[in-house]
Amino acid sequence: MTGVSKAMLGQIERGDSNPTISILWKIVNGLRISFTSLIEEDPVKVTHFRFEQLEPFVEEEGRYRAFPLIPFDQQKRFEIYTVEMEPNCDHISEAHNEGIEEYILMMQGSWTSRSSSRLTR
């Protein structure tokens, strides 16, 4: 597929040989992958964080705190926040764009939704 001998591919895989750019071009063209995919680092698959290190977005005089657990990623097309609201906190947010879905999982307490963009705890 690549025009590069099995012996040379084996040497490259084992780290016994430093391929030239022309050899790399043969490999990427034969495999139909991008050249940069050979030199890019793999994306991090696991992210560790400590909740106490997160900086919240604060509103309603500190009574509403939104912590970005997973910030928006264009490829994943979602984000996850955890929100803390003090009792009797009334938070009004802007409506989402068309086609956006929002899921809310109540962990503790109770709340009422007065409209699609207004939350009261």
Protein backbone atom coordinates (compact mmCIF):
# COMPACT_ATOMS: atom_id res chain seq x y z
CA MET A 1 0.00 0.00 0.00
CA THR A 2 2.78 2.42 0.83
CA GLY A 3 5.66 1.33 -1.39
CA VAL A 4 7.85 1.07 1.72
CA SER A 5 9.35 -2.32 2.47
CA LYS A 6 8.15 -4.38 5.43
CA ALA A 7 11.69 -4.37 6.79
CA MET A 8 11.84 -0.56 6.74
CA LEU A 9 8.37 -0.28 8.33
CA GLY A 10 9.49 -2.69 11.06
CA GLN A 11 12.63 -0.63 11.70
CA ILE A 12 10.58 2.55 11.95
CA GLU A 13 8.06 0.93 14.33
CA ARG A 14 10.84 -0.36 16.60
CA GLY A 15 12.62 2.99 16.57
CA ASP A 16 15.68 1.46 14.87
CA SER A 17 15.46 3.80 11.88
CA ASN A 18 14.78 7.50 11.42
CA PRO A 19 12.71 7.74 8.23
CA THR A 20 13.23 10.54 5.73
CA ILE A 21 10.39 12.90 4.90
CA SER A 22 9.94 11.18 1.52
CA ILE A 23 9.51 7.80 3.27
CA LEU A 24 6.98 9.37 5.65
CA TRP A 25 5.09 10.84 2.68
CA LYS A 26 4.89 7.38 1.10
CA ILE A 27 3.52 5.96 4.34
CA VAL A 28 0.87 8.66 4.88
CA ASN A 29 -0.22 8.61 1.24
CA GLY A 30 -0.47 4.82 1.24
CA LEU A 31 -2.47 4.77 4.47
CA ARG A 32 -4.50 7.85 3.42
CA ILE A 33 -3.80 9.72 6.65
CA SER A 34 -2.48 13.22 7.24
CA PHE A 35 1.23 13.84 7.67
CA THR A 36 0.63 15.73 10.91
CA SER A 37 -1.19 12.72 12.40
CA LEU A 38 2.23 11.08 12.70
CA ILE A 39 3.69 13.92 14.76
CA GLU A 40 0.69 15.12 16.76
CA GLU A 41 0.38 13.96 20.33
CA ASP A 42 -2.62 11.83 21.17
CA PRO A 43 -5.41 13.85 22.77
CA VAL A 44 -5.79 13.40 26.48
CA LYS A 45 -8.40 10.71 27.09
CA VAL A 46 -8.77 11.24 30.84
CA THR A 47 -8.93 14.59 32.58
CA HIS A 48 -8.43 14.86 36.31
CA PHE A 49 -9.50 17.85 38.35
CA ARG A 50 -10.35 18.72 41.91
CA PHE A 51 -13.67 20.42 42.43
CA GLU A 52 -12.20 22.83 44.98
CA GLN A 53 -9.79 24.10 42.29
CA LEU A 54 -12.56 25.07 39.85
CA GLU A 55 -13.41 28.76 39.52
CA PRO A 56 -17.19 29.24 39.34
CA PHE A 57 -19.15 31.81 37.39
CA VAL A 58 -20.92 33.75 40.14
CA GLU A 59 -24.20 35.64 39.84
CA GLU A 60 -27.07 36.77 42.05
CA GLU A 61 -24.65 38.29 44.57
CA GLY A 62 -22.84 34.97 45.04
CA ARG A 63 -25.99 32.93 45.61
CA TYR A 64 -25.72 31.27 42.14
CA ARG A 65 -22.46 29.51 41.26
CA ALA A 66 -21.85 27.58 38.03
CA PHE A 67 -18.73 25.41 37.92
CA PRO A 68 -17.50 24.36 34.44
CA LEU A 69 -16.72 20.65 34.84
CA ILE A 70 -16.26 20.04 31.12
CA PRO A 71 -15.89 23.31 29.17
CA PHE A 72 -17.37 23.45 25.66
CA ASP A 73 -15.38 21.53 23.07
CA GLN A 74 -16.18 22.15 19.39
CA GLN A 75 -15.56 18.50 18.46
CA LYS A 76 -17.61 17.02 21.31
CA ARG A 77 -20.30 19.70 20.98
CA PHE A 78 -21.31 19.69 24.62
CA GLU A 79 -20.35 21.05 28.00
CA ILE A 80 -21.14 20.10 31.58
CA TYR A 81 -21.59 22.41 34.55
CA THR A 82 -22.53 21.82 38.13
CA VAL A 83 -24.59 24.61 39.64
CA GLU A 84 -25.03 25.54 43.28
CA MET A 85 -27.93 27.79 44.23
CA GLU A 86 -28.64 29.15 47.69
CA PRO A 87 -32.22 28.81 49.02
CA ASN A 88 -34.62 31.35 47.50
CA CYS A 89 -32.15 32.18 44.72
CA ASP A 90 -33.95 33.39 41.61
CA HIS A 91 -31.81 33.04 38.47
CA ILE A 92 -32.84 34.22 35.01
CA SER A 93 -30.76 33.04 32.04
CA GLU A 94 -30.87 33.74 28.33
CA ALA A 95 -32.62 31.21 26.11
CA HIS A 96 -30.40 28.75 24.24
CA ASN A 97 -29.96 28.77 20.48
CA GLU A 98 -32.37 26.77 18.35
CA GLY A 99 -31.70 23.04 18.58
CA ILE A 100 -29.80 23.18 21.88
CA GLU A 101 -30.96 20.72 24.53
CA GLU A 102 -30.38 21.27 28.24
CA TYR A 103 -30.53 18.52 30.83
CA ILE A 104 -30.83 19.21 34.54
CA LEU A 105 -30.13 16.61 37.22
CA MET A 106 -31.25 17.71 40.67
CA MET A 107 -28.90 16.32 43.30
CA GLN A 108 -30.35 17.99 46.41
CA GLY A 109 -33.19 20.34 47.27
CA SER A 110 -36.08 21.34 45.03
CA TRP A 111 -36.75 24.01 42.44
CA THR A 112 -39.45 25.44 40.26
CA SER A 113 -39.22 26.61 36.71
CA ARG A 114 -41.34 29.71 36.16
CA SER A 115 -40.54 29.71 32.45
CA SER A 116 -38.03 28.06 30.15
CA SER A 117 -35.27 30.42 31.24
CA ARG A 118 -36.03 31.16 34.89
CA LEU A 119 -34.99 28.90 37.78
CA THR A 120 -35.85 29.34 41.42
CA ARG A 121 -34.55 27.18 44.21
